[in-house]
Amino acid sequence: MALGLFRVCLVVVTAIINHPLLFPRENATVPENEEEIIRKMQEHQEKLQLEQLRLEEEVSQLVAEKEALQEADEEDQQQSEAHTAWDLWSTLCMVLFLVIEIWRQDHQDGPFPEYLGGDEDELSGLGGTPLRGLPLPQKATLDHFYEHCIRSATGDATRTREFVEGFVDDLLEALRSVCNRDTDMELEDFIGVDSMYENWHVERPLLCHLFVPFIPPEPYSFHPELWCSNLSTPLNCQGYGQIKVTLAGGDPLGCICGKTKLGEDMLCLLHGKNSGVQPSTGGRDEMEDLLCSRESSYLDAMQVMKWFQVALTKAWHRIAHKYEFDLAFGQLDTPGSLRIKFRSGKFMPFILTPVIHYNDSELYFVPQLSKEPCRGTPASGTDWLLSFAVYERQFLRTTAKALPEGACHLSCLQIASFLLSKQSRLTGPSGLSNYHLKTALLHLLLSRPAADWKASQLDVRLQDLFCFLERSLLEKKLHHFFVGNRKVPEAMGLPEVVRRAEPINLFRPFVLQRTLYHSTVDSFYEMLKNAPTLISEYSLHVSSDRASPPPKAITL
């Protein structure tokens, strides 16, 4: 366009300069015929007009081309913006669709009530929450139910503990006499744990759970390894650990029983039932005869339980003549489950679990063989569950000293455990267990003032307990009470590595198992719905024959 304008200006300037009327030449002569001059001027003017028209056409073409280029650029820009907007809109639509789909799957059985709750600091301000509008029994009904159905049912707990402890003491002493003290593992004194020793067990028959710590013979030693010491530990292994068997120098070696001649009745606790004893040469092949996992120096839980059952069988055969009852193994999926069967047909169950002490703390590694729906099974046979049972018992005892006389905290736990047990019998077991109930109570005890646990507040605190569980279920999050909880008093003596660890979500399986989650939520609300009827019926009439028939046992 600039070139065209230059050409137009150049023609105009040339015409002006060469015009004879404006710049006449000195030697020019005026034509005699004026008409001829006019004619020539007209011709010249016509030529100029034609040239001007041609230049205007070129200019107009250049302008049109420029406008076309601008329009094309604008159109391309608009298309690019439209394409970008479309991509953004498509992404937003896809995200919205996924959110709606997830919400629909989580709430396909009906909308859940919203729970306005926060962390433990906010729990002290909890009031009554909807619980789907399901009312709980009034205080008078709860008090009557507790006095006639729970307190009376647990009145003989002390006598039961004393009987079981006396028998277990004799059984373990017989087991020690079977073993060679120089080459076999050493069994320590038992420790009472769980509901019977925390004074909130309500189910019949009463069940004592005892830990039996054991240590290897010299020069062997156990080196427990927590899950939090390894950053690459899978989520399903949180709360577990492994026990490495080493010599005093830290090197894994074979069994030393080959160095000592064992008698016919001697039982090597480092070997399985059918393991052959070979001379100890310090080679790697001897690890296959240990209670460790094959081709590993880590203790295997299943091998330990087989050893323990064989050892108990030998010990019972030594003292059976002194007792007028039989001893049998109970539930096969529960480690150390035993039953005392009297001649009258009655029985008394108890659990004797071999455990391994963790360093200088009150933590113990226990073999986890049971298949609880919400906990699942360990990833490996060398994974041992870390138990806080002793710390839980100590925390409840310490807290009770600061609570008002006749505090209702254990009463709440007993009533909730009773309702959960009856609901499990009605609709089958769910992902909710007594351990979850106790964990929720421990969180509430840590967050609420001591004055809130007066006996007169039983109905309010029971509602708080169920509200806490409801919120935890809806959020699919219930943190372990001790792991990663900096609010636990330091006087408890909890190992610092556990205090600093990341919190463990006990409800994590609900995130992965939707069917289990929905069935658990339905069972929870069904339990709340049936609570007034169950409590009223048991308050009016308590049948004396509530014990379920004993399962078929394997006689020792």
Protein backbone atom coordinates (compact mmCIF):
# COMPACT_ATOMS: atom_id res chain seq x y z
CA MET A 1 0.00 0.00 0.00
CA ALA A 2 2.85 2.42 0.77
CA LEU A 3 4.39 1.71 -2.66
CA GLY A 4 1.09 2.51 -4.40
CA LEU A 5 0.69 5.83 -2.62
CA PHE A 6 4.26 6.74 -3.53
CA ARG A 7 3.56 6.01 -7.19
CA VAL A 8 0.40 8.15 -7.15
CA CYS A 9 2.23 11.07 -5.56
CA LEU A 10 5.06 10.74 -8.05
CA VAL A 11 2.67 10.92 -11.04
CA VAL A 12 0.84 13.92 -9.61
CA VAL A 13 4.07 15.81 -8.90
CA THR A 14 5.36 15.01 -12.39
CA ALA A 15 2.16 16.26 -13.98
CA ILE A 16 2.24 19.46 -12.00
CA ILE A 17 5.87 20.14 -12.85
CA ASN A 18 5.37 19.48 -16.56
CA HIS A 19 2.13 21.44 -16.87
CA PRO A 20 2.72 24.15 -19.56
CA LEU A 21 0.41 26.70 -18.03
CA LEU A 22 2.01 26.69 -14.61
CA PHE A 23 5.65 26.48 -15.66
CA PRO A 24 5.98 27.85 -19.23
CA ARG A 25 9.31 27.50 -20.87
CA GLU A 26 11.18 30.65 -21.88
CA ASN A 27 11.47 29.69 -25.54
CA ALA A 28 8.01 28.22 -25.78
CA THR A 29 5.62 29.53 -28.37
CA VAL A 30 1.87 29.74 -27.91
CA PRO A 31 0.05 27.61 -30.41
CA GLU A 32 -2.03 29.46 -32.86
CA ASN A 33 -4.99 27.13 -32.50
CA GLU A 34 -6.51 27.27 -29.03
CA GLU A 35 -8.79 24.33 -29.77
CA GLU A 36 -5.77 22.16 -30.46
CA ILE A 37 -4.34 23.07 -27.09
CA ILE A 38 -7.61 22.31 -25.34
CA ARG A 39 -7.84 19.00 -27.15
CA LYS A 40 -4.32 18.00 -26.08
CA MET A 41 -5.03 19.05 -22.51
CA GLN A 42 -8.19 16.97 -22.48
CA GLU A 43 -6.32 13.95 -23.78
CA HIS A 44 -3.67 14.44 -21.17
CA GLN A 45 -6.31 14.81 -18.46
CA GLU A 46 -8.01 11.64 -19.59
CA LYS A 47 -4.71 9.79 -19.36
CA LEU A 48 -4.21 11.14 -15.86
CA GLN A 49 -7.71 10.05 -14.85
CA LEU A 50 -7.13 6.58 -16.22
CA GLU A 51 -3.84 6.38 -14.37
CA GLN A 52 -5.53 7.61 -11.22
CA LEU A 53 -8.29 5.03 -11.55
CA ARG A 54 -5.73 2.32 -12.06
CA LEU A 55 -3.79 3.47 -9.00
CA GLU A 56 -7.01 3.66 -6.95
CA GLU A 57 -7.86 0.13 -7.98
CA GLU A 58 -4.44 -1.05 -6.89
CA VAL A 59 -4.78 0.82 -3.61
CA SER A 60 -8.24 -0.62 -3.03
CA GLN A 61 -6.92 -4.10 -3.78
CA LEU A 62 -4.07 -3.61 -1.32
CA VAL A 63 -6.52 -2.37 1.32
CA ALA A 64 -8.84 -5.31 0.66
CA GLU A 65 -5.95 -7.76 0.97
CA LYS A 66 -4.86 -6.17 4.24
CA GLU A 67 -8.39 -6.30 5.63
CA ALA A 68 -8.68 -9.90 4.52
CA LEU A 69 -5.46 -10.76 6.32
CA GLN A 70 -6.67 -8.99 9.46
CA GLU A 71 -10.02 -10.77 9.31
CA ALA A 72 -8.25 -14.10 8.85
CA ASP A 73 -6.02 -13.39 11.83
CA GLU A 74 -9.01 -12.40 13.95
CA GLU A 75 -10.93 -15.48 12.85
CA ASP A 76 -7.99 -17.74 13.70
CA GLN A 77 -7.66 -16.08 17.09
CA GLN A 78 -11.37 -16.49 17.77
CA GLN A 79 -11.23 -20.12 16.73
CA SER A 80 -8.21 -20.67 19.00
CA GLU A 81 -10.00 -18.98 21.91
CA ALA A 82 -13.12 -20.98 21.21
CA HIS A 83 -11.11 -24.19 21.07
CA THR A 84 -9.39 -23.36 24.35
CA ALA A 85 -12.69 -22.50 25.98
CA TRP A 86 -14.18 -25.72 24.68
CA ASP A 87 -11.30 -27.75 26.10
CA LEU A 88 -11.67 -26.04 29.48
CA TRP A 89 -15.41 -26.55 29.46
CA SER A 90 -15.01 -30.21 28.51
CA THR A 91 -12.55 -30.73 31.36
CA LEU A 92 -14.88 -29.05 33.85
CA CYS A 93 -17.79 -31.13 32.63
CA MET A 94 -15.76 -34.31 32.99
CA VAL A 95 -14.68 -33.40 36.53
CA LEU A 96 -18.26 -32.51 37.45
CA PHE A 97 -19.47 -35.78 36.01
CA LEU A 98 -16.94 -37.77 38.03
CA VAL A 99 -17.87 -35.92 41.24
CA ILE A 100 -21.56 -36.60 40.65
CA GLU A 101 -20.85 -40.27 39.91
CA ILE A 102 -18.78 -40.70 43.09
CA TRP A 103 -21.44 -38.94 45.12
CA ARG A 104 -24.14 -41.13 43.60
CA GLN A 105 -22.25 -44.32 44.44
CA ASP A 106 -21.55 -43.21 48.00
CA HIS A 107 -25.15 -42.18 48.59
CA GLN A 108 -27.09 -44.56 46.41
CA ASP A 109 -28.78 -46.01 49.51
CA GLY A 110 -30.01 -42.62 50.64
CA PRO A 111 -28.48 -39.34 51.71
CA PHE A 112 -26.40 -39.39 54.87
CA PRO A 113 -26.90 -36.67 57.47
CA GLU A 114 -24.28 -34.00 57.71
CA TYR A 115 -22.21 -33.94 60.85
CA LEU A 116 -20.77 -30.66 61.92
CA GLY A 117 -17.69 -31.83 63.77
CA GLY A 118 -14.00 -31.09 63.84
CA ASP A 119 -10.98 -32.51 65.53
CA GLU A 120 -10.69 -33.48 69.17
CA ASP A 121 -10.58 -29.86 70.28
CA GLU A 122 -14.04 -29.31 68.85
CA LEU A 123 -15.56 -32.44 70.35
CA SER A 124 -16.08 -30.77 73.70
CA GLY A 125 -18.68 -28.53 72.10
CA LEU A 126 -20.74 -31.29 70.58
CA GLY A 127 -24.44 -31.17 71.17
CA GLY A 128 -27.09 -33.60 70.09
CA THR A 129 -26.76 -34.61 66.45
CA PRO A 130 -29.42 -36.10 64.21
CA LEU A 131 -28.16 -39.71 63.98
CA ARG A 132 -30.68 -39.89 61.13
CA GLY A 133 -33.35 -38.84 63.59
CA LEU A 134 -33.11 -42.11 65.52
CA PRO A 135 -33.77 -41.47 69.25
CA LEU A 136 -31.78 -43.23 71.94
CA PRO A 137 -33.36 -44.51 75.18
CA GLN A 138 -33.83 -42.03 77.99
CA LYS A 139 -31.57 -41.93 81.03
CA ALA A 140 -33.98 -43.72 83.35
CA THR A 141 -34.30 -46.63 80.91
CA LEU A 142 -30.54 -46.79 80.43
CA ASP A 143 -29.89 -46.79 84.19
CA HIS A 144 -32.41 -49.58 84.76
CA PHE A 145 -30.96 -51.60 81.89
CA TYR A 146 -27.40 -51.18 83.10
CA GLU A 147 -28.16 -52.22 86.68
CA HIS A 148 -30.23 -55.30 85.81
CA CYS A 149 -28.59 -56.55 82.61
CA ILE A 150 -24.95 -55.51 82.59
CA ARG A 151 -23.77 -55.03 86.14
CA SER A 152 -25.33 -58.29 87.28
CA ALA A 153 -23.92 -60.17 84.28
CA THR A 154 -20.34 -59.11 85.05
CA GLY A 155 -20.47 -59.62 88.81
CA ASP A 156 -18.45 -62.85 88.73
CA ALA A 157 -15.68 -61.47 86.49
CA THR A 158 -13.21 -61.42 89.40
CA ARG A 159 -13.73 -65.09 90.20
CA THR A 160 -13.37 -65.99 86.52
CA ARG A 161 -10.07 -64.12 86.23
CA GLU A 162 -8.67 -65.74 89.35
CA PHE A 163 -9.57 -69.24 88.17
CA VAL A 164 -8.14 -68.76 84.67
CA GLU A 165 -4.96 -67.11 85.96
CA GLY A 166 -4.31 -69.94 88.42
CA PHE A 167 -4.72 -72.57 85.74
CA VAL A 168 -2.58 -70.72 83.18
CA ASP A 169 0.14 -70.27 85.77
CA ASP A 170 0.26 -74.04 86.29
CA LEU A 171 0.10 -74.71 82.52
CA LEU A 172 3.03 -72.38 81.74
CA GLU A 173 5.11 -73.86 84.53
CA ALA A 174 4.54 -77.30 83.02
CA LEU A 175 5.54 -75.94 79.62
CA ARG A 176 8.79 -74.59 81.04
CA SER A 177 9.57 -77.98 82.55
CA VAL A 178 9.17 -79.61 79.13
CA CYS A 179 11.78 -77.38 77.55
CA ASN A 180 15.53 -77.24 77.90
CA ARG A 181 16.38 -73.96 79.60
CA ASP A 182 19.74 -73.76 77.81
CA THR A 183 18.48 -74.18 74.24
CA ASP A 184 14.76 -73.33 74.22
CA MET A 185 12.89 -70.08 74.36
CA GLU A 186 12.09 -68.64 77.76
CA LEU A 187 8.48 -67.85 78.63
CA GLU A 188 7.82 -64.87 80.87
CA ASP A 189 4.82 -64.26 83.15
CA PHE A 190 1.46 -63.65 81.47
CA ILE A 191 -0.19 -60.23 81.19
CA GLY A 192 -3.97 -59.70 81.30
CA VAL A 193 -5.34 -57.42 78.58
CA ASP A 194 -8.54 -56.29 76.84
CA SER A 195 -12.09 -55.95 78.15
CA MET A 196 -11.94 -58.40 81.09
CA TYR A 197 -9.01 -56.51 82.58
CA GLU A 198 -10.44 -53.12 81.66
CA ASN A 199 -13.74 -53.92 83.41
CA TRP A 200 -16.13 -53.43 80.51
CA HIS A 201 -16.71 -56.97 79.19
CA VAL A 202 -20.44 -57.70 78.85
CA GLU A 203 -20.76 -60.81 76.69
CA ARG A 204 -21.33 -64.28 78.01
CA PRO A 205 -19.33 -66.37 78.56
CA LEU A 206 -16.68 -64.17 80.14
CA LEU A 207 -13.44 -64.30 78.14
CA CYS A 208 -9.96 -63.71 79.56
CA HIS A 209 -7.20 -62.70 77.16
CA LEU A 210 -3.63 -63.23 78.33
CA PHE A 211 -0.34 -62.29 76.68
CA VAL A 212 2.63 -64.61 77.16
CA PRO A 213 5.90 -62.87 76.23
CA PHE A 214 8.77 -65.09 75.14
CA ILE A 215 12.43 -64.48 74.38
CA PRO A 216 14.97 -66.64 72.49
CA PRO A 217 17.81 -68.50 74.21
CA GLU A 218 21.30 -67.09 74.24
CA PRO A 219 23.09 -66.14 72.07
CA TYR A 220 19.98 -65.37 69.98
CA SER A 221 18.03 -62.13 70.21
CA PHE A 222 14.95 -60.57 68.66
CA HIS A 223 15.22 -57.26 66.80
CA PRO A 224 11.71 -55.86 66.18
CA GLU A 225 11.34 -53.53 63.21
CA LEU A 226 8.36 -51.16 63.13
CA TRP A 227 6.54 -50.26 59.94
CA CYS A 228 7.28 -46.55 60.50
CA SER A 229 11.02 -47.17 60.31
CA ASN A 230 10.68 -47.89 56.58
CA LEU A 231 9.34 -45.14 54.34
CA SER A 232 8.39 -47.63 51.61
CA THR A 233 6.00 -49.62 53.82
CA PRO A 234 2.62 -50.19 52.06
CA LEU A 235 -0.47 -48.68 53.66
CA ASN A 236 -1.95 -52.09 54.44
CA CYS A 237 1.13 -52.85 56.58
CA GLN A 238 0.74 -49.82 58.83
CA GLY A 239 0.56 -50.90 62.45
CA TYR A 240 2.56 -54.05 61.75
CA GLY A 241 6.20 -54.94 62.22
CA GLN A 242 8.69 -57.72 61.71
CA ILE A 243 10.96 -59.56 64.14
CA LYS A 244 14.45 -60.42 62.97
CA VAL A 245 16.26 -63.33 64.63
CA THR A 246 19.97 -62.63 65.05
CA LEU A 247 22.96 -63.73 67.07
CA ALA A 248 24.56 -61.51 69.64
CA GLY A 249 26.77 -60.02 66.94
CA GLY A 250 23.74 -59.23 64.77
CA ASP A 251 24.30 -61.99 62.19
CA PRO A 252 21.48 -64.49 61.55
CA LEU A 253 22.50 -68.09 62.17
CA GLY A 254 20.97 -71.50 62.57
CA CYS A 255 19.63 -73.19 65.68
CA ILE A 256 22.03 -74.18 68.47
CA CYS A 257 20.03 -77.15 69.69
CA GLY A 258 22.33 -79.43 67.66
CA LYS A 259 25.09 -78.54 70.08
CA THR A 260 23.15 -79.97 73.03
CA LYS A 261 21.64 -83.43 73.28
CA LEU A 262 17.92 -83.07 73.98
CA GLY A 263 15.96 -85.66 75.89
CA GLU A 264 12.96 -87.48 74.44
CA ASP A 265 10.50 -85.12 76.11
CA MET A 266 12.45 -81.97 75.32
CA LEU A 267 10.91 -79.56 72.84
CA CYS A 268 13.09 -77.17 70.89
CA LEU A 269 11.11 -73.96 70.62
CA LEU A 270 13.14 -72.73 67.64
CA HIS A 271 12.01 -75.69 65.51
CA GLY A 272 8.73 -76.66 64.00
CA LYS A 273 6.94 -79.87 64.93
CA ASN A 274 8.49 -82.04 62.22
CA SER A 275 11.80 -80.25 61.79
CA GLY A 276 14.91 -82.34 61.82
CA VAL A 277 17.76 -81.24 64.07
CA GLN A 278 21.10 -80.95 62.39
CA PRO A 279 24.45 -79.98 63.82
CA SER A 280 24.92 -76.25 63.88
CA THR A 281 27.51 -75.17 61.36
CA GLY A 282 26.51 -71.57 61.10
CA GLY A 283 25.32 -72.06 57.51
CA ARG A 284 22.40 -70.38 55.84
CA ASP A 285 20.55 -73.71 55.29
CA GLU A 286 19.87 -74.02 59.00
CA MET A 287 17.51 -71.03 58.86
CA GLU A 288 15.00 -73.29 57.14
CA ASP A 289 14.61 -75.25 60.39
CA LEU A 290 13.88 -72.17 62.49
CA LEU A 291 10.49 -70.63 63.17
CA CYS A 292 11.45 -68.01 60.63
CA SER A 293 9.94 -67.70 57.21
CA ARG A 294 11.68 -69.91 54.64
CA GLU A 295 14.79 -68.30 53.18
CA SER A 296 14.44 -65.45 55.64
CA SER A 297 15.71 -64.47 59.08
CA TYR A 298 12.33 -62.98 60.11
CA LEU A 299 10.07 -64.79 62.54
CA ASP A 300 6.97 -66.34 60.97
CA ALA A 301 3.69 -65.93 62.92
CA MET A 302 2.17 -69.18 61.70
CA GLN A 303 5.28 -71.17 62.62
CA VAL A 304 5.27 -69.62 66.09
CA MET A 305 1.62 -70.55 66.64
CA LYS A 306 2.26 -74.15 65.55
CA TRP A 307 5.16 -74.32 67.98
CA PHE A 308 3.04 -72.85 70.77
CA GLN A 309 0.19 -75.31 70.21
CA VAL A 310 2.60 -78.25 70.27
CA ALA A 311 4.20 -76.91 73.45
CA LEU A 312 0.81 -76.42 75.15
CA THR A 313 -0.25 -79.95 74.20
CA LYS A 314 2.88 -81.45 75.79
CA ALA A 315 2.44 -79.28 78.88
CA TRP A 316 -1.25 -80.20 79.31
CA HIS A 317 -0.50 -83.91 79.06
CA ARG A 318 1.85 -83.50 82.02
CA ILE A 319 -0.72 -81.91 84.34
CA ALA A 320 -4.04 -83.25 83.00
CA HIS A 321 -4.27 -85.84 85.81
CA LYS A 322 -4.57 -83.06 88.39
CA TYR A 323 -7.76 -81.54 86.97
CA GLU A 324 -11.31 -82.78 86.54
CA PHE A 325 -11.91 -81.07 83.22
CA ASP A 326 -10.66 -81.21 79.65
CA LEU A 327 -8.69 -78.63 77.73
CA ALA A 328 -9.27 -78.12 74.02
CA PHE A 329 -8.38 -75.63 71.31
CA GLY A 330 -11.18 -73.19 70.50
CA GLN A 331 -11.57 -71.07 67.39
CA LEU A 332 -8.92 -72.04 64.89
CA ASP A 333 -8.69 -68.54 63.36
CA THR A 334 -7.91 -66.95 66.75
CA PRO A 335 -4.32 -67.47 67.95
CA GLY A 336 -4.15 -69.19 71.34
CA SER A 337 -7.91 -69.74 71.67
CA LEU A 338 -8.53 -72.42 74.34
CA ARG A 339 -11.57 -73.84 76.19
CA ILE A 340 -11.88 -75.50 79.55
CA LYS A 341 -14.72 -78.02 79.34
CA PHE A 342 -16.21 -79.23 82.62
CA ARG A 343 -17.91 -82.55 83.11
CA SER A 344 -21.23 -80.76 83.63
CA GLY A 345 -21.08 -79.60 80.02
CA LYS A 346 -20.25 -75.99 80.82
CA PHE A 347 -17.16 -74.43 79.37
CA MET A 348 -14.86 -71.51 80.05
CA PRO A 349 -12.97 -69.97 77.10
CA PHE A 350 -9.78 -67.98 77.30
CA ILE A 351 -7.07 -66.80 74.91
CA LEU A 352 -3.38 -67.41 75.47
CA THR A 353 -1.30 -65.53 72.90
CA PRO A 354 2.49 -65.71 72.53
CA VAL A 355 3.85 -62.19 72.08
CA ILE A 356 7.19 -60.47 71.63
CA HIS A 357 8.18 -57.43 73.64
CA TYR A 358 9.18 -54.26 71.78
CA ASN A 359 12.37 -52.88 73.31
CA ASP A 360 11.80 -51.17 76.67
CA SER A 361 8.17 -50.18 76.12
CA GLU A 362 4.82 -51.81 76.87
CA LEU A 363 4.22 -52.55 73.20
CA TYR A 364 3.91 -56.15 72.07
CA PHE A 365 3.95 -57.87 68.70
CA VAL A 366 1.15 -60.42 68.39
CA PRO A 367 0.49 -62.96 65.61
CA GLN A 368 -2.48 -61.72 63.61
CA LEU A 369 -4.22 -64.71 62.04
CA SER A 370 -7.89 -63.77 62.40
CA LYS A 371 -9.75 -62.42 59.38
CA GLU A 372 -11.63 -59.38 60.64
CA PRO A 373 -13.54 -57.68 57.78
CA CYS A 374 -12.24 -54.19 58.49
CA ARG A 375 -8.68 -55.13 59.32
CA GLY A 376 -7.96 -57.77 56.70
CA THR A 377 -5.04 -60.12 56.76
CA PRO A 378 -1.34 -59.24 56.95
CA ALA A 379 0.52 -58.89 53.68
CA SER A 380 3.06 -61.51 54.78
CA GLY A 381 3.40 -64.26 57.36
CA THR A 382 6.31 -62.36 58.86
CA ASP A 383 4.11 -59.33 59.65
CA TRP A 384 3.18 -59.09 63.33
CA LEU A 385 0.49 -56.74 64.61
CA LEU A 386 1.67 -54.14 67.09
CA SER A 387 -0.63 -54.25 70.13
CA PHE A 388 -1.25 -51.27 72.42
CA ALA A 389 -3.45 -53.30 74.77
CA VAL A 390 -1.28 -52.65 77.85
CA TYR A 391 -1.17 -48.91 77.14
CA GLU A 392 -4.93 -48.87 76.65
CA ARG A 393 -5.47 -50.55 80.01
CA GLN A 394 -3.07 -48.10 81.70
CA PHE A 395 -4.74 -45.09 80.07
CA LEU A 396 -8.21 -46.18 81.25
CA ARG A 397 -6.95 -46.76 84.79
CA THR A 398 -5.11 -43.45 84.93
CA THR A 399 -8.04 -41.52 83.48
CA ALA A 400 -10.51 -43.13 85.89
CA LYS A 401 -8.60 -41.63 88.84
CA ALA A 402 -9.35 -38.12 87.59
CA LEU A 403 -13.02 -38.77 86.75
CA PRO A 404 -15.92 -38.30 89.18
CA GLU A 405 -16.92 -41.23 91.37
CA GLY A 406 -19.11 -43.66 89.48
CA ALA A 407 -18.12 -42.17 86.10
CA CYS A 408 -20.16 -43.36 83.14
CA HIS A 409 -17.36 -43.85 80.58
CA LEU A 410 -17.17 -47.64 80.92
CA SER A 411 -20.96 -47.86 81.14
CA CYS A 412 -21.20 -46.14 77.74
CA LEU A 413 -18.72 -48.60 76.27
CA GLN A 414 -20.55 -51.59 77.78
CA ILE A 415 -23.93 -50.51 76.43
CA ALA A 416 -22.50 -49.80 72.98
CA SER A 417 -20.70 -53.17 72.97
CA PHE A 418 -23.91 -54.92 74.01
CA LEU A 419 -25.91 -53.31 71.20
CA LEU A 420 -23.21 -54.09 68.63
CA SER A 421 -23.11 -57.73 69.71
CA LYS A 422 -26.89 -58.15 69.45
CA GLN A 423 -26.96 -56.43 66.06
CA SER A 424 -24.22 -58.74 64.79
CA ARG A 425 -26.35 -61.72 65.75
CA LEU A 426 -29.33 -60.25 63.92
CA THR A 427 -27.72 -59.17 60.66
CA GLY A 428 -24.29 -60.79 60.77
CA PRO A 429 -20.88 -59.24 61.52
CA SER A 430 -19.99 -55.91 59.93
CA GLY A 431 -16.82 -53.83 59.66
CA LEU A 432 -17.47 -52.28 63.09
CA SER A 433 -15.84 -53.97 66.08
CA ASN A 434 -15.49 -53.46 69.82
CA TYR A 435 -12.00 -52.09 69.23
CA HIS A 436 -13.50 -49.26 67.17
CA LEU A 437 -15.93 -48.52 70.00
CA LYS A 438 -13.08 -48.40 72.51
CA THR A 439 -10.98 -46.20 70.22
CA ALA A 440 -13.84 -43.72 69.92
CA LEU A 441 -14.26 -43.67 73.71
CA LEU A 442 -10.54 -43.01 74.23
CA HIS A 443 -10.69 -40.02 71.88
CA LEU A 444 -13.69 -38.65 73.80
CA LEU A 445 -11.99 -39.17 77.16
CA LEU A 446 -8.99 -37.19 75.97
CA SER A 447 -11.10 -34.32 74.63
CA ARG A 448 -13.81 -33.85 77.25
CA PRO A 449 -13.44 -32.41 80.76
CA ALA A 450 -13.60 -34.90 83.61
CA ALA A 451 -16.79 -33.32 84.97
CA ASP A 452 -18.67 -34.35 81.81
CA TRP A 453 -18.45 -38.03 82.76
CA LYS A 454 -20.69 -37.98 85.81
CA ALA A 455 -23.08 -40.90 86.20
CA SER A 456 -26.00 -38.55 85.56
CA GLN A 457 -24.62 -37.83 82.07
CA LEU A 458 -24.85 -41.44 80.84
CA ASP A 459 -27.44 -40.77 78.13
CA VAL A 460 -25.65 -37.66 76.81
CA ARG A 461 -22.23 -39.32 76.70
CA LEU A 462 -23.67 -42.41 75.01
CA GLN A 463 -25.13 -40.17 72.33
CA ASP A 464 -21.73 -38.45 71.96
CA LEU A 465 -20.10 -41.83 71.47
CA PHE A 466 -22.52 -42.79 68.71
CA CYS A 467 -22.21 -39.34 67.11
CA PHE A 468 -18.44 -39.70 67.05
CA LEU A 469 -18.79 -43.09 65.38
CA GLU A 470 -21.32 -41.70 62.91
CA ARG A 471 -19.00 -38.89 61.86
CA SER A 472 -16.08 -41.31 61.59
CA LEU A 473 -18.12 -43.65 59.38
CA LEU A 474 -19.34 -40.88 57.11
CA GLU A 475 -15.80 -39.53 56.74
CA LYS A 476 -14.34 -43.07 56.52
CA LYS A 477 -11.72 -41.93 59.01
CA LEU A 478 -11.02 -43.14 62.54
CA HIS A 479 -7.51 -42.45 63.70
CA HIS A 480 -5.65 -44.86 65.96
CA PHE A 481 -5.63 -43.42 69.45
CA PHE A 482 -1.90 -43.75 70.15
CA VAL A 483 -0.11 -43.73 66.78
CA GLY A 484 0.78 -40.17 65.77
CA ASN A 485 -1.35 -38.65 68.56
CA ARG A 486 0.76 -35.94 70.20
CA LYS A 487 -2.05 -35.23 72.70
CA VAL A 488 -1.47 -38.48 74.54
CA PRO A 489 0.27 -37.58 77.83
CA GLU A 490 4.02 -38.16 77.78
CA ALA A 491 3.68 -39.82 81.19
CA MET A 492 2.27 -42.86 79.39
CA GLY A 493 5.81 -43.67 78.25
CA LEU A 494 4.84 -44.25 74.64
CA PRO A 495 7.90 -44.68 72.37
CA GLU A 496 8.75 -41.46 70.58
CA VAL A 497 8.94 -43.22 67.21
CA VAL A 498 5.27 -44.13 67.57
CA ARG A 499 4.28 -40.63 68.69
CA ARG A 500 6.01 -39.11 65.64
CA ALA A 501 4.58 -41.63 63.18
CA GLU A 502 1.85 -40.71 60.72
CA PRO A 503 -1.65 -41.39 62.13
CA ILE A 504 -3.21 -44.70 61.12
CA ASN A 505 -6.75 -44.66 59.75
CA LEU A 506 -8.56 -47.69 61.16
CA PHE A 507 -11.38 -47.14 58.65
CA ARG A 508 -9.12 -47.15 55.60
CA PRO A 509 -10.56 -50.51 54.37
CA PHE A 510 -13.90 -48.73 53.94
CA VAL A 511 -12.32 -46.54 51.26
CA LEU A 512 -11.31 -49.62 49.27
CA GLN A 513 -14.28 -51.91 49.98
CA ARG A 514 -17.51 -50.15 49.08
CA THR A 515 -19.71 -53.17 49.76
CA LEU A 516 -18.29 -53.59 53.25
CA TYR A 517 -18.68 -49.87 53.87
CA HIS A 518 -22.34 -49.69 52.87
CA SER A 519 -23.21 -52.83 54.85
CA THR A 520 -21.43 -51.41 57.92
CA VAL A 521 -23.24 -48.07 57.70
CA ASP A 522 -26.60 -49.83 57.24
CA SER A 523 -25.84 -52.10 60.20
CA PHE A 524 -24.84 -49.11 62.35
CA TYR A 525 -28.09 -47.25 61.74
CA GLU A 526 -30.07 -50.46 62.12
CA MET A 527 -28.40 -50.91 65.52
CA LEU A 528 -29.47 -47.41 66.57
CA LYS A 529 -32.97 -48.09 65.32
CA ASN A 530 -33.24 -51.33 67.32
CA ALA A 531 -31.57 -49.93 70.46
CA PRO A 532 -34.73 -48.74 72.29
CA THR A 533 -36.53 -52.03 71.64
CA LEU A 534 -33.57 -54.20 72.66
CA ILE A 535 -32.90 -52.25 75.83
CA SER A 536 -36.57 -52.25 76.81
CA GLU A 537 -36.95 -55.99 76.25
CA TYR A 538 -33.79 -56.91 78.15
CA SER A 539 -34.74 -54.55 80.96
CA LEU A 540 -38.08 -56.29 81.44
CA HIS A 541 -36.88 -59.85 81.14
CA VAL A 542 -33.37 -61.24 81.01
CA SER A 543 -33.19 -64.88 80.10
CA SER A 544 -30.68 -66.89 82.10
CA ASP A 545 -29.85 -69.03 79.09
CA ARG A 546 -28.23 -66.46 76.82
CA ALA A 547 -24.97 -68.29 76.17
CA SER A 548 -24.65 -69.53 72.63
CA PRO A 549 -23.82 -73.23 72.11
CA PRO A 550 -20.09 -73.84 72.22
CA PRO A 551 -18.36 -74.35 68.90
CA LYS A 552 -16.89 -77.70 68.05
CA ALA A 553 -13.44 -77.91 69.60
CA ILE A 554 -10.34 -79.92 68.89
CA THR A 555 -9.37 -81.91 71.98
CA LEU A 556 -5.76 -81.71 73.01
